Amino acid sequence: MTQARNVLGGELETCCASPITGFYRDGYCSTGAGDLGAHIVCAQMTEAFLAFTKSQGNDLSTPVPAFSFPGLKPGDRWCLCAQRWQEALEAGVAPPVVLSATHALAVEYVSLDQLKQHADNLD
């Protein structure tokens, strides 16, 4: 199997192992046929984004023990749906992006320039 690529053209790096993220819960923003939400943008959570996504019906800050989900807090990294990140961008609350851990397919939803403008500068 070929290693997934990031938006910079390199190998896709880990987004976060604690809490464990990714559609496949392997720490990577990988995607596949079952990932209808395209969880491919590695982002660092902010208070503003967490409030925004909760207001849109996707509460990422409240723990859900039944799914072993600890709830996210500002500073945590998480693989976001590309369309939700785009919505947050349009609302002025896009969280910082970790380019090296953001899947190459993200540019099908958001421009590379937009992602770079919101890079967390750790790449």
PDB file of N, CA and C in Angstrom:
ATOM      1  N   MET A   1       0.840  -1.185   0.000  1.00  0.00           N
ATOM      2  CA  MET A   1       0.000   0.000   0.000  1.00  0.00           C
ATOM      3  C   MET A   1       0.888   1.253   0.000  1.00  0.00           C
ATOM      4  N   THR A   2       0.523   2.234  -0.766  1.00  0.00           N
ATOM      5  CA  THR A   2       1.285   3.466  -0.880  1.00  0.00           C
ATOM      6  C   THR A   2       0.981   4.383   0.297  1.00  0.00           C
ATOM      7  N   GLN A   3       2.028   5.029   0.798  1.00  0.00           N
ATOM      8  CA  GLN A   3       1.865   5.983   1.884  1.00  0.00           C
ATOM      9  C   GLN A   3       1.095   7.200   1.367  1.00  0.00           C
ATOM     10  N   ALA A   4       0.121   7.669   2.152  1.00  0.00           N
ATOM     11  CA  ALA A   4      -0.651   8.855   1.785  1.00  0.00           C
ATOM     12  C   ALA A   4       0.266  10.072   1.768  1.00  0.00           C
ATOM     13  N   ARG A   5      -0.094  11.065   0.958  1.00  0.00           N
ATOM     14  CA  ARG A   5       0.688  12.290   0.816  1.00  0.00           C
ATOM     15  C   ARG A   5      -0.020  13.443   1.519  1.00  0.00           C
ATOM     16  N   ASN A   6       0.775  14.420   1.935  1.00  0.00           N
ATOM     17  CA  ASN A   6       0.193  15.623   2.526  1.00  0.00           C
ATOM     18  C   ASN A   6       0.106  16.732   1.476  1.00  0.00           C
ATOM     19  N   VAL A   7      -0.469  17.866   1.853  1.00  0.00           N
ATOM     20  CA  VAL A   7      -0.673  18.966   0.903  1.00  0.00           C
ATOM     21  C   VAL A   7       0.634  19.605   0.447  1.00  0.00           C
ATOM     22  N   LEU A   8       1.732  19.293   1.125  1.00  0.00           N
ATOM     23  CA  LEU A   8       3.036  19.824   0.739  1.00  0.00           C
ATOM     24  C   LEU A   8       3.786  18.877  -0.187  1.00  0.00           C
ATOM     25  N   GLY A   9       3.197  17.682  -0.423  1.00  0.00           N
ATOM     26  CA  GLY A   9       3.799  16.715  -1.318  1.00  0.00           C
ATOM     27  C   GLY A   9       4.612  15.641  -0.628  1.00  0.00           C
ATOM     28  N   GLY A  10       4.800  15.755   0.680  1.00  0.00           N
ATOM     29  CA  GLY A  10       5.555  14.755   1.427  1.00  0.00           C
ATOM     30  C   GLY A  10       4.646  13.670   1.982  1.00  0.00           C
ATOM     31  N   GLU A  11       5.245  12.750   2.749  1.00  0.00           N
ATOM     32  CA  GLU A  11       4.455  11.704   3.378  1.00  0.00           C
ATOM     33  C   GLU A  11       3.551  12.325   4.442  1.00  0.00           C
ATOM     34  N   LEU A  12       2.329  11.825   4.526  1.00  0.00           N
ATOM     35  CA  LEU A  12       1.378  12.303   5.523  1.00  0.00           C
ATOM     36  C   LEU A  12       1.913  11.974   6.910  1.00  0.00           C
ATOM     37  N   GLU A  13       2.032  12.989   7.751  1.00  0.00           N
ATOM     38  CA  GLU A  13       2.532  12.801   9.104  1.00  0.00           C
ATOM     39  C   GLU A  13       1.378  12.636  10.083  1.00  0.00           C
ATOM     40  N   THR A  14       1.695  12.166  11.270  1.00  0.00           N
ATOM     41  CA  THR A  14       0.696  11.985  12.318  1.00  0.00           C
ATOM     42  C   THR A  14       0.103  13.333  12.709  1.00  0.00           C
ATOM     43  N   CYS A  15      -1.198  13.365  12.890  1.00  0.00           N
ATOM     44  CA  CYS A  15      -1.871  14.572  13.363  1.00  0.00           C
ATOM     45  C   CYS A  15      -1.867  14.583  14.884  1.00  0.00           C
ATOM     46  N   CYS A  16      -2.383  13.522  15.496  1.00  0.00           N
ATOM     47  CA  CYS A  16      -2.418  13.467  16.954  1.00  0.00           C
ATOM     48  C   CYS A  16      -2.710  12.051  17.438  1.00  0.00           C
ATOM     49  N   ALA A  17      -1.958  11.632  18.447  1.00  0.00           N
ATOM     50  CA  ALA A  17      -2.176  10.317  19.050  1.00  0.00           C
ATOM     51  C   ALA A  17      -2.853  10.423  20.411  1.00  0.00           C
ATOM     52  N   SER A  18      -2.915  11.637  20.971  1.00  0.00           N
ATOM     53  CA  SER A  18      -3.561  11.830  22.262  1.00  0.00           C
ATOM     54  C   SER A  18      -4.240  13.192  22.294  1.00  0.00           C
ATOM     55  N   PRO A  19      -5.545  13.278  22.062  1.00  0.00           N
ATOM     56  CA  PRO A  19      -6.433  12.139  21.830  1.00  0.00           C
ATOM     57  C   PRO A  19      -6.215  11.565  20.425  1.00  0.00           C
ATOM     58  N   ILE A  20      -6.471  10.281  20.288  1.00  0.00           N
ATOM     59  CA  ILE A  20      -6.282   9.613  18.997  1.00  0.00           C
ATOM     60  C   ILE A  20      -7.317  10.122  17.996  1.00  0.00           C
ATOM     61  N   THR A  21      -6.840  10.568  16.851  1.00  0.00           N
ATOM     62  CA  THR A  21      -7.712  11.185  15.865  1.00  0.00           C
ATOM     63  C   THR A  21      -7.693  10.406  14.557  1.00  0.00           C
ATOM     64  N   GLY A  22      -8.391  10.914  13.588  1.00  0.00           N
ATOM     65  CA  GLY A  22      -8.453  10.317  12.261  1.00  0.00           C
ATOM     66  C   GLY A  22      -9.699   9.474  12.084  1.00  0.00           C
ATOM     67  N   PHE A  23     -10.166   9.408  10.862  1.00  0.00           N
ATOM     68  CA  PHE A  23     -11.349   8.603  10.555  1.00  0.00           C
ATOM     69  C   PHE A  23     -11.135   7.160  10.991  1.00  0.00           C
ATOM     70  N   TYR A  24      -9.903   6.671  10.825  1.00  0.00           N
ATOM     71  CA  TYR A  24      -9.586   5.290  11.200  1.00  0.00           C
ATOM     72  C   TYR A  24      -9.045   5.183  12.626  1.00  0.00           C
ATOM     73  N   ARG A  25      -9.030   6.308  13.359  1.00  0.00           N
ATOM     74  CA  ARG A  25      -8.507   6.378  14.726  1.00  0.00           C
ATOM     75  C   ARG A  25      -7.110   5.756  14.813  1.00  0.00           C
ATOM     76  N   ASP A  26      -6.257   6.246  13.885  1.00  0.00           N
ATOM     77  CA  ASP A  26      -4.871   5.791  13.861  1.00  0.00           C
ATOM     78  C   ASP A  26      -3.892   6.955  14.008  1.00  0.00           C
ATOM     79  N   GLY A  27      -4.439   8.156  14.266  1.00  0.00           N
ATOM     80  CA  GLY A  27      -3.595   9.333  14.438  1.00  0.00           C
ATOM     81  C   GLY A  27      -3.349  10.119  13.167  1.00  0.00           C
ATOM     82  N   TYR A  28      -3.755   9.564  12.031  1.00  0.00           N
ATOM     83  CA  TYR A  28      -3.533  10.205  10.728  1.00  0.00           C
ATOM     84  C   TYR A  28      -4.845  10.712  10.130  1.00  0.00           C
ATOM     85  N   CYS A  29      -4.750  11.766   9.344  1.00  0.00           N
ATOM     86  CA  CYS A  29      -5.916  12.283   8.619  1.00  0.00           C
ATOM     87  C   CYS A  29      -6.018  11.567   7.276  1.00  0.00           C
ATOM     88  N   SER A  30      -6.060  10.247   7.338  1.00  0.00           N
ATOM     89  CA  SER A  30      -6.218   9.403   6.150  1.00  0.00           C
ATOM     90  C   SER A  30      -7.695   9.353   5.780  1.00  0.00           C
ATOM     91  N   THR A  31      -7.970   8.908   4.572  1.00  0.00           N
ATOM     92  CA  THR A  31      -9.349   8.828   4.123  1.00  0.00           C
ATOM     93  C   THR A  31      -9.526   7.597   3.249  1.00  0.00           C
ATOM     94  N   GLY A  32     -10.760   7.252   3.042  1.00  0.00           N
ATOM     95  CA  GLY A  32     -11.083   6.100   2.214  1.00  0.00           C
ATOM     96  C   GLY A  32     -12.549   6.138   1.848  1.00  0.00           C
ATOM     97  N   ALA A  33     -13.014   5.090   1.200  1.00  0.00           N
ATOM     98  CA  ALA A  33     -14.382   5.056   0.689  1.00  0.00           C
ATOM     99  C   ALA A  33     -15.436   5.279   1.773  1.00  0.00           C
ATOM    100  N   GLY A  34     -15.195   4.824   2.995  1.00  0.00           N
ATOM    101  CA  GLY A  34     -16.188   4.967   4.055  1.00  0.00           C
ATOM    102  C   GLY A  34     -16.211   6.330   4.719  1.00  0.00           C
ATOM    103  N   ASP A  35     -15.219   7.156   4.431  1.00  0.00           N
ATOM    104  CA  ASP A  35     -15.098   8.471   5.070  1.00  0.00           C
ATOM    105  C   ASP A  35     -15.882   9.516   4.288  1.00  0.00           C
ATOM    106  N   LEU A  36     -17.184   9.517   4.478  1.00  0.00           N
ATOM    107  CA  LEU A  36     -18.045  10.434   3.719  1.00  0.00           C
ATOM    108  C   LEU A  36     -17.823  11.892   4.093  1.00  0.00           C
ATOM    109  N   GLY A  37     -17.287  12.143   5.291  1.00  0.00           N
ATOM    110  CA  GLY A  37     -17.040  13.513   5.727  1.00  0.00           C
ATOM    111  C   GLY A  37     -15.681  14.057   5.343  1.00  0.00           C
ATOM    112  N   ALA A  38     -14.826  13.233   4.755  1.00  0.00           N
ATOM    113  CA  ALA A  38     -13.467  13.647   4.373  1.00  0.00           C
ATOM    114  C   ALA A  38     -12.745  14.311   5.549  1.00  0.00           C
ATOM    115  N   HIS A  39     -12.432  13.512   6.570  1.00  0.00           N
ATOM    116  CA  HIS A  39     -11.739  13.973   7.776  1.00  0.00           C
ATOM    117  C   HIS A  39     -10.243  14.087   7.479  1.00  0.00           C
ATOM    118  N   ILE A  40      -9.856  15.107   6.717  1.00  0.00           N
ATOM    119  CA  ILE A  40      -8.507  15.159   6.161  1.00  0.00           C
ATOM    120  C   ILE A  40      -7.715  16.415   6.472  1.00  0.00           C
ATOM    121  N   VAL A  41      -8.283  17.337   7.242  1.00  0.00           N
ATOM    122  CA  VAL A  41      -7.570  18.563   7.609  1.00  0.00           C
ATOM    123  C   VAL A  41      -7.133  18.444   9.069  1.00  0.00           C
ATOM    124  N   CYS A  42      -5.835  18.401   9.296  1.00  0.00           N
ATOM    125  CA  CYS A  42      -5.318  18.366  10.660  1.00  0.00           C
ATOM    126  C   CYS A  42      -5.283  19.797  11.180  1.00  0.00           C
ATOM    127  N   ALA A  43      -6.062  20.034  12.235  1.00  0.00           N
ATOM    128  CA  ALA A  43      -6.166  21.396  12.768  1.00  0.00           C
ATOM    129  C   ALA A  43      -5.948  21.399  14.276  1.00  0.00           C
ATOM    130  N   GLN A  44      -5.437  22.517  14.745  1.00  0.00           N
ATOM    131  CA  GLN A  44      -5.267  22.710  16.186  1.00  0.00           C
ATOM    132  C   GLN A  44      -6.489  23.469  16.690  1.00  0.00           C
ATOM    133  N   MET A  45      -7.170  22.865  17.634  1.00  0.00           N
ATOM    134  CA  MET A  45      -8.424  23.428  18.127  1.00  0.00           C
ATOM    135  C   MET A  45      -8.220  24.776  18.822  1.00  0.00           C
ATOM    136  N   THR A  46      -9.203  25.651  18.594  1.00  0.00           N
ATOM    137  CA  THR A  46      -9.256  26.936  19.279  1.00  0.00           C
ATOM    138  C   THR A  46     -10.614  27.043  19.951  1.00  0.00           C
ATOM    139  N   GLU A  47     -10.702  27.893  20.933  1.00  0.00           N
ATOM    140  CA  GLU A  47     -11.976  28.108  21.613  1.00  0.00           C
ATOM    141  C   GLU A  47     -13.044  28.573  20.620  1.00  0.00           C
ATOM    142  N   ALA A  48     -12.661  29.491  19.722  1.00  0.00           N
ATOM    143  CA  ALA A  48     -13.613  30.023  18.744  1.00  0.00           C
ATOM    144  C   ALA A  48     -14.124  28.937  17.803  1.00  0.00           C
ATOM    145  N   PHE A  49     -13.220  28.055  17.339  1.00  0.00           N
ATOM    146  CA  PHE A  49     -13.663  26.996  16.443  1.00  0.00           C
ATOM    147  C   PHE A  49     -14.553  26.001  17.172  1.00  0.00           C
ATOM    148  N   LEU A  50     -14.178  25.609  18.377  1.00  0.00           N
ATOM    149  CA  LEU A  50     -14.985  24.643  19.123  1.00  0.00           C
ATOM    150  C   LEU A  50     -16.395  25.183  19.370  1.00  0.00           C
ATOM    151  N   ALA A  51     -16.509  26.475  19.673  1.00  0.00           N
ATOM    152  CA  ALA A  51     -17.830  27.091  19.855  1.00  0.00           C
ATOM    153  C   ALA A  51     -18.598  27.099  18.531  1.00  0.00           C
ATOM    154  N   PHE A  52     -17.898  27.398  17.442  1.00  0.00           N
ATOM    155  CA  PHE A  52     -18.541  27.436  16.123  1.00  0.00           C
ATOM    156  C   PHE A  52     -19.073  26.065  15.728  1.00  0.00           C
ATOM    157  N   THR A  53     -18.233  25.044  15.818  1.00  0.00           N
ATOM    158  CA  THR A  53     -18.669  23.721  15.368  1.00  0.00           C
ATOM    159  C   THR A  53     -19.800  23.193  16.248  1.00  0.00           C
ATOM    160  N   LYS A  54     -19.773  23.537  17.541  1.00  0.00           N
ATOM    161  CA  LYS A  54     -20.879  23.146  18.429  1.00  0.00           C
ATOM    162  C   LYS A  54     -22.167  23.821  17.971  1.00  0.00           C
ATOM    163  N   SER A  55     -22.077  25.088  17.583  1.00  0.00           N
ATOM    164  CA  SER A  55     -23.263  25.820  17.122  1.00  0.00           C
ATOM    165  C   SER A  55     -23.806  25.261  15.807  1.00  0.00           C
ATOM    166  N   GLN A  56     -22.944  24.519  15.080  1.00  0.00           N
ATOM    167  CA  GLN A  56     -23.351  23.913  13.815  1.00  0.00           C
ATOM    168  C   GLN A  56     -23.844  22.474  14.001  1.00  0.00           C
ATOM    169  N   GLY A  57     -23.922  22.025  15.257  1.00  0.00           N
ATOM    170  CA  GLY A  57     -24.439  20.693  15.542  1.00  0.00           C
ATOM    171  C   GLY A  57     -23.401  19.612  15.705  1.00  0.00           C
ATOM    172  N   ASN A  58     -22.107  19.982  15.735  1.00  0.00           N
ATOM    173  CA  ASN A  58     -21.053  18.988  15.919  1.00  0.00           C
ATOM    174  C   ASN A  58     -20.227  19.387  17.142  1.00  0.00           C
ATOM    175  N   ASP A  59     -20.658  18.934  18.302  1.00  0.00           N
ATOM    176  CA  ASP A  59     -20.011  19.276  19.567  1.00  0.00           C
ATOM    177  C   ASP A  59     -18.769  18.414  19.752  1.00  0.00           C
ATOM    178  N   LEU A  60     -17.615  19.015  19.578  1.00  0.00           N
ATOM    179  CA  LEU A  60     -16.345  18.299  19.737  1.00  0.00           C
ATOM    180  C   LEU A  60     -15.745  18.491  21.124  1.00  0.00           C
ATOM    181  N   SER A  61     -16.354  19.340  21.949  1.00  0.00           N
ATOM    182  CA  SER A  61     -15.761  19.638  23.247  1.00  0.00           C
ATOM    183  C   SER A  61     -16.335  18.805  24.395  1.00  0.00           C
ATOM    184  N   THR A  62     -17.473  18.190  24.201  1.00  0.00           N
ATOM    185  CA  THR A  62     -18.090  17.391  25.256  1.00  0.00           C
ATOM    186  C   THR A  62     -17.653  15.932  25.148  1.00  0.00           C
ATOM    187  N   PRO A  63     -17.139  15.371  26.242  1.00  0.00           N
ATOM    188  CA  PRO A  63     -16.737  13.954  26.218  1.00  0.00           C
ATOM    189  C   PRO A  63     -17.926  13.032  25.930  1.00  0.00           C
ATOM    190  N   VAL A  64     -17.653  11.952  25.193  1.00  0.00           N
ATOM    191  CA  VAL A  64     -18.645  10.913  24.920  1.00  0.00           C
ATOM    192  C   VAL A  64     -17.982   9.577  25.278  1.00  0.00           C
ATOM    193  N   PRO A  65     -18.060   9.198  26.558  1.00  0.00           N
ATOM    194  CA  PRO A  65     -17.384   7.977  27.013  1.00  0.00           C
ATOM    195  C   PRO A  65     -17.781   6.722  26.236  1.00  0.00           C
ATOM    196  N   ALA A  66     -19.015   6.639  25.788  1.00  0.00           N
ATOM    197  CA  ALA A  66     -19.473   5.457  25.048  1.00  0.00           C
ATOM    198  C   ALA A  66     -18.656   5.228  23.780  1.00  0.00           C
ATOM    199  N   PHE A  67     -18.078   6.293  23.229  1.00  0.00           N
ATOM    200  CA  PHE A  67     -17.250   6.186  22.030  1.00  0.00           C
ATOM    201  C   PHE A  67     -15.776   6.429  22.340  1.00  0.00           C
ATOM    202  N   SER A  68     -15.423   6.375  23.623  1.00  0.00           N
ATOM    203  CA  SER A  68     -14.046   6.632  24.066  1.00  0.00           C
ATOM    204  C   SER A  68     -13.543   7.977  23.560  1.00  0.00           C
ATOM    205  N   PHE A  69     -14.451   8.958  23.506  1.00  0.00           N
ATOM    206  CA  PHE A  69     -14.097  10.300  23.031  1.00  0.00           C
ATOM    207  C   PHE A  69     -13.956  11.218  24.241  1.00  0.00           C
ATOM    208  N   PRO A  70     -12.754  11.757  24.473  1.00  0.00           N
ATOM    209  CA  PRO A  70     -12.510  12.559  25.669  1.00  0.00           C
ATOM    210  C   PRO A  70     -13.041  13.992  25.603  1.00  0.00           C
ATOM    211  N   GLY A  71     -13.472  14.422  24.432  1.00  0.00           N
ATOM    212  CA  GLY A  71     -13.816  15.835  24.251  1.00  0.00           C
ATOM    213  C   GLY A  71     -12.536  16.606  23.975  1.00  0.00           C
ATOM    214  N   LEU A  72     -12.613  17.586  23.113  1.00  0.00           N
ATOM    215  CA  LEU A  72     -11.427  18.356  22.727  1.00  0.00           C
ATOM    216  C   LEU A  72     -11.389  19.684  23.464  1.00  0.00           C
ATOM    217  N   LYS A  73     -10.188  20.183  23.629  1.00  0.00           N
ATOM    218  CA  LYS A  73      -9.993  21.487  24.248  1.00  0.00           C
ATOM    219  C   LYS A  73      -9.034  22.292  23.373  1.00  0.00           C
ATOM    220  N   PRO A  74      -9.006  23.607  23.529  1.00  0.00           N
ATOM    221  CA  PRO A  74      -8.062  24.406  22.746  1.00  0.00           C
ATOM    222  C   PRO A  74      -6.643  23.859  22.883  1.00  0.00           C
ATOM    223  N   GLY A  75      -5.958  23.776  21.759  1.00  0.00           N
ATOM    224  CA  GLY A  75      -4.601  23.249  21.714  1.00  0.00           C
ATOM    225  C   GLY A  75      -4.528  21.817  21.214  1.00  0.00           C
ATOM    226  N   ASP A  76      -5.635  21.056  21.373  1.00  0.00           N
ATOM    227  CA  ASP A  76      -5.663  19.694  20.849  1.00  0.00           C
ATOM    228  C   ASP A  76      -5.659  19.728  19.326  1.00  0.00           C
ATOM    229  N   ARG A  77      -5.084  18.688  18.729  1.00  0.00           N
ATOM    230  CA  ARG A  77      -5.128  18.545  17.265  1.00  0.00           C
ATOM    231  C   ARG A  77      -6.185  17.501  16.930  1.00  0.00           C
ATOM    232  N   TRP A  78      -6.851  17.705  15.779  1.00  0.00           N
ATOM    233  CA  TRP A  78      -7.930  16.802  15.380  1.00  0.00           C
ATOM    234  C   TRP A  78      -8.067  16.832  13.871  1.00  0.00           C
ATOM    235  N   CYS A  79      -8.425  15.692  13.287  1.00  0.00           N
ATOM    236  CA  CYS A  79      -8.680  15.614  11.849  1.00  0.00           C
ATOM    237  C   CYS A  79     -10.109  16.083  11.590  1.00  0.00           C
ATOM    238  N   LEU A  80     -10.223  17.234  10.982  1.00  0.00           N
ATOM    239  CA  LEU A  80     -11.532  17.824  10.707  1.00  0.00           C
ATOM    240  C   LEU A  80     -12.021  17.466   9.313  1.00  0.00           C
ATOM    241  N   CYS A  81     -13.341  17.478   9.163  1.00  0.00           N
ATOM    242  CA  CYS A  81     -13.943  17.371   7.839  1.00  0.00           C
ATOM    243  C   CYS A  81     -13.522  18.609   7.052  1.00  0.00           C
ATOM    244  N   ALA A  82     -13.083  18.399   5.830  1.00  0.00           N
ATOM    245  CA  ALA A  82     -12.607  19.516   5.011  1.00  0.00           C
ATOM    246  C   ALA A  82     -13.703  20.568   4.825  1.00  0.00           C
ATOM    247  N   GLN A  83     -14.926  20.136   4.654  1.00  0.00           N
ATOM    248  CA  GLN A  83     -16.012  21.102   4.452  1.00  0.00           C
ATOM    249  C   GLN A  83     -16.296  21.913   5.710  1.00  0.00           C
ATOM    250  N   ARG A  84     -16.162  21.300   6.897  1.00  0.00           N
ATOM    251  CA  ARG A  84     -16.363  22.050   8.142  1.00  0.00           C
ATOM    252  C   ARG A  84     -15.268  23.091   8.305  1.00  0.00           C
ATOM    253  N   TRP A  85     -14.013  22.733   7.938  1.00  0.00           N
ATOM    254  CA  TRP A  85     -12.940  23.713   8.032  1.00  0.00           C
ATOM    255  C   TRP A  85     -13.232  24.883   7.087  1.00  0.00           C
ATOM    256  N   GLN A  86     -13.722  24.582   5.894  1.00  0.00           N
ATOM    257  CA  GLN A  86     -14.074  25.630   4.926  1.00  0.00           C
ATOM    258  C   GLN A  86     -15.189  26.521   5.482  1.00  0.00           C
ATOM    259  N   GLU A  87     -16.187  25.915   6.113  1.00  0.00           N
ATOM    260  CA  GLU A  87     -17.274  26.694   6.733  1.00  0.00           C
ATOM    261  C   GLU A  87     -16.723  27.607   7.820  1.00  0.00           C
ATOM    262  N   ALA A  88     -15.796  27.074   8.622  1.00  0.00           N
ATOM    263  CA  ALA A  88     -15.185  27.875   9.681  1.00  0.00           C
ATOM    264  C   ALA A  88     -14.378  29.024   9.089  1.00  0.00           C
ATOM    265  N   LEU A  89     -13.700  28.765   7.981  1.00  0.00           N
ATOM    266  CA  LEU A  89     -12.952  29.818   7.290  1.00  0.00           C
ATOM    267  C   LEU A  89     -13.888  30.938   6.872  1.00  0.00           C
ATOM    268  N   GLU A  90     -14.994  30.560   6.263  1.00  0.00           N
ATOM    269  CA  GLU A  90     -15.973  31.562   5.811  1.00  0.00           C
ATOM    270  C   GLU A  90     -16.575  32.333   6.980  1.00  0.00           C
ATOM    271  N   ALA A  91     -16.647  31.701   8.154  1.00  0.00           N
ATOM    272  CA  ALA A  91     -17.197  32.349   9.344  1.00  0.00           C
ATOM    273  C   ALA A  91     -16.127  33.123  10.124  1.00  0.00           C
ATOM    274  N   GLY A  92     -14.878  33.062   9.650  1.00  0.00           N
ATOM    275  CA  GLY A  92     -13.798  33.795  10.294  1.00  0.00           C
ATOM    276  C   GLY A  92     -13.229  33.126  11.539  1.00  0.00           C
ATOM    277  N   VAL A  93     -13.466  31.818  11.698  1.00  0.00           N
ATOM    278  CA  VAL A  93     -12.981  31.114  12.891  1.00  0.00           C
ATOM    279  C   VAL A  93     -12.201  29.842  12.546  1.00  0.00           C
ATOM    280  N   ALA A  94     -11.582  29.809  11.368  1.00  0.00           N
ATOM    281  CA  ALA A  94     -10.828  28.619  10.961  1.00  0.00           C
ATOM    282  C   ALA A  94      -9.663  28.398  11.916  1.00  0.00           C
ATOM    283  N   PRO A  95      -9.539  27.172  12.440  1.00  0.00           N
ATOM    284  CA  PRO A  95      -8.416  26.885  13.327  1.00  0.00           C
ATOM    285  C   PRO A  95      -7.123  26.699  12.534  1.00  0.00           C
ATOM    286  N   PRO A  96      -5.974  26.865  13.195  1.00  0.00           N
ATOM    287  CA  PRO A  96      -4.694  26.661  12.516  1.00  0.00           C
ATOM    288  C   PRO A  96      -4.576  25.246  11.950  1.00  0.00           C
ATOM    289  N   VAL A  97      -3.905  25.137  10.811  1.00  0.00           N
ATOM    290  CA  VAL A  97      -3.751  23.878  10.095  1.00  0.00           C
ATOM    291  C   VAL A  97      -2.314  23.375  10.225  1.00  0.00           C
ATOM    292  N   VAL A  98      -2.167  22.066  10.402  1.00  0.00           N
ATOM    293  CA  VAL A  98      -0.855  21.420  10.393  1.00  0.00           C
ATOM    294  C   VAL A  98      -0.694  20.837   8.996  1.00  0.00           C
ATOM    295  N   LEU A  99       0.019  21.545   8.132  1.00  0.00           N
ATOM    296  CA  LEU A  99       0.118  21.182   6.718  1.00  0.00           C
ATOM    297  C   LEU A  99       0.720  19.798   6.498  1.00  0.00           C
ATOM    298  N   SER A 100       1.741  19.447   7.261  1.00  0.00           N
ATOM    299  CA  SER A 100       2.411  18.154   7.066  1.00  0.00           C
ATOM    300  C   SER A 100       1.517  16.970   7.435  1.00  0.00           C
ATOM    301  N   ALA A 101       0.440  17.232   8.188  1.00  0.00           N
ATOM    302  CA  ALA A 101      -0.472  16.171   8.604  1.00  0.00           C
ATOM    303  C   ALA A 101      -1.846  16.305   7.950  1.00  0.00           C
ATOM    304  N   THR A 102      -1.966  17.228   6.991  1.00  0.00           N
ATOM    305  CA  THR A 102      -3.224  17.427   6.255  1.00  0.00           C
ATOM    306  C   THR A 102      -3.123  16.688   4.924  1.00  0.00           C
ATOM    307  N   HIS A 103      -4.082  15.818   4.672  1.00  0.00           N
ATOM    308  CA  HIS A 103      -4.081  14.949   3.486  1.00  0.00           C
ATOM    309  C   HIS A 103      -4.112  15.780   2.200  1.00  0.00           C
ATOM    310  N   ALA A 104      -3.412  15.301   1.183  1.00  0.00           N
ATOM    311  CA  ALA A 104      -3.322  15.984  -0.114  1.00  0.00           C
ATOM    312  C   ALA A 104      -4.690  16.257  -0.731  1.00  0.00           C
ATOM    313  N   LEU A 105      -5.683  15.411  -0.465  1.00  0.00           N
ATOM    314  CA  LEU A 105      -7.014  15.607  -1.041  1.00  0.00           C
ATOM    315  C   LEU A 105      -7.734  16.833  -0.492  1.00  0.00           C
ATOM    316  N   ALA A 106      -7.212  17.432   0.557  1.00  0.00           N
ATOM    317  CA  ALA A 106      -7.851  18.625   1.127  1.00  0.00           C
ATOM    318  C   ALA A 106      -7.963  19.746   0.097  1.00  0.00           C
ATOM    319  N   VAL A 107      -7.032  19.770  -0.864  1.00  0.00           N
ATOM    320  CA  VAL A 107      -7.068  20.853  -1.868  1.00  0.00           C
ATOM    321  C   VAL A 107      -8.238  20.693  -2.842  1.00  0.00           C
ATOM    322  N   GLU A 108      -8.971  19.593  -2.745  1.00  0.00           N
ATOM    323  CA  GLU A 108     -10.189  19.455  -3.536  1.00  0.00           C
ATOM    324  C   GLU A 108     -11.351  20.210  -2.887  1.00  0.00           C
ATOM    325  N   TYR A 109     -11.165  20.631  -1.639  1.00  0.00           N
ATOM    326  CA  TYR A 109     -12.203  21.334  -0.886  1.00  0.00           C
ATOM    327  C   TYR A 109     -11.818  22.769  -0.561  1.00  0.00           C
ATOM    328  N   VAL A 110     -10.517  22.986  -0.347  1.00  0.00           N
ATOM    329  CA  VAL A 110      -9.990  24.271   0.087  1.00  0.00           C
ATOM    330  C   VAL A 110      -8.704  24.518  -0.689  1.00  0.00           C
ATOM    331  N   SER A 111      -8.427  25.764  -1.027  1.00  0.00           N
ATOM    332  CA  SER A 111      -7.202  26.022  -1.785  1.00  0.00           C
ATOM    333  C   SER A 111      -5.973  25.876  -0.891  1.00  0.00           C
ATOM    334  N   LEU A 112      -4.866  25.485  -1.503  1.00  0.00           N
ATOM    335  CA  LEU A 112      -3.617  25.356  -0.771  1.00  0.00           C
ATOM    336  C   LEU A 112      -3.225  26.707  -0.175  1.00  0.00           C
ATOM    337  N   ASP A 113      -3.487  27.791  -0.889  1.00  0.00           N
ATOM    338  CA  ASP A 113      -3.175  29.124  -0.362  1.00  0.00           C
ATOM    339  C   ASP A 113      -3.944  29.403   0.921  1.00  0.00           C
ATOM    340  N   GLN A 114      -5.232  29.031   0.957  1.00  0.00           N
ATOM    341  CA  GLN A 114      -6.026  29.242   2.171  1.00  0.00           C
ATOM    342  C   GLN A 114      -5.466  28.417   3.323  1.00  0.00           C
ATOM    343  N   LEU A 115      -5.099  27.183   3.039  1.00  0.00           N
ATOM    344  CA  LEU A 115      -4.520  26.332   4.076  1.00  0.00           C
ATOM    345  C   LEU A 115      -3.203  26.930   4.579  1.00  0.00           C
ATOM    346  N   LYS A 116      -2.355  27.374   3.656  1.00  0.00           N
ATOM    347  CA  LYS A 116      -1.068  27.951   4.040  1.00  0.00           C
ATOM    348  C   LYS A 116      -1.246  29.224   4.862  1.00  0.00           C
ATOM    349  N   GLN A 117      -2.272  30.020   4.530  1.00  0.00           N
ATOM    350  CA  GLN A 117      -2.532  31.247   5.286  1.00  0.00           C
ATOM    351  C   GLN A 117      -2.913  30.940   6.732  1.00  0.00           C
ATOM    352  N   HIS A 118      -3.385  29.730   6.970  1.00  0.00           N
ATOM    353  CA  HIS A 118      -3.803  29.324   8.316  1.00  0.00           C
ATOM    354  C   HIS A 118      -2.889  28.253   8.910  1.00  0.00           C
ATOM    355  N   ALA A 119      -1.696  28.117   8.337  1.00  0.00           N
ATOM    356  CA  ALA A 119      -0.742  27.114   8.834  1.00  0.00           C
ATOM    357  C   ALA A 119      -0.309  27.485  10.256  1.00  0.00           C
ATOM    358  N   ASP A 120      -0.091  26.457  11.056  1.00  0.00           N
ATOM    359  CA  ASP A 120       0.309  26.683  12.446  1.00  0.00           C
ATOM    360  C   ASP A 120       1.779  27.024  12.586  1.00  0.00           C
ATOM    361  N   ASN A 121       2.490  27.102  11.480  1.00  0.00           N
ATOM    362  CA  ASN A 121       3.916  27.469  11.441  1.00  0.00           C
ATOM    363  C   ASN A 121       4.817  26.465  12.154  1.00  0.00           C
ATOM    364  N   LEU A 122       4.344  25.251  12.336  1.00  0.00           N
ATOM    365  CA  LEU A 122       5.179  24.214  12.917  1.00  0.00           C
ATOM    366  C   LEU A 122       5.777  23.345  11.826  1.00  0.00           C
ATOM    367  N   ASP A 123       5.337  23.541  10.584  1.00  0.00           N
ATOM    368  CA  ASP A 123       5.839  22.724   9.471  1.00  0.00           C
ATOM    369  C   ASP A 123       7.157  23.290   8.964  1.00  0.00           C
TER     370      ASP A 123
END
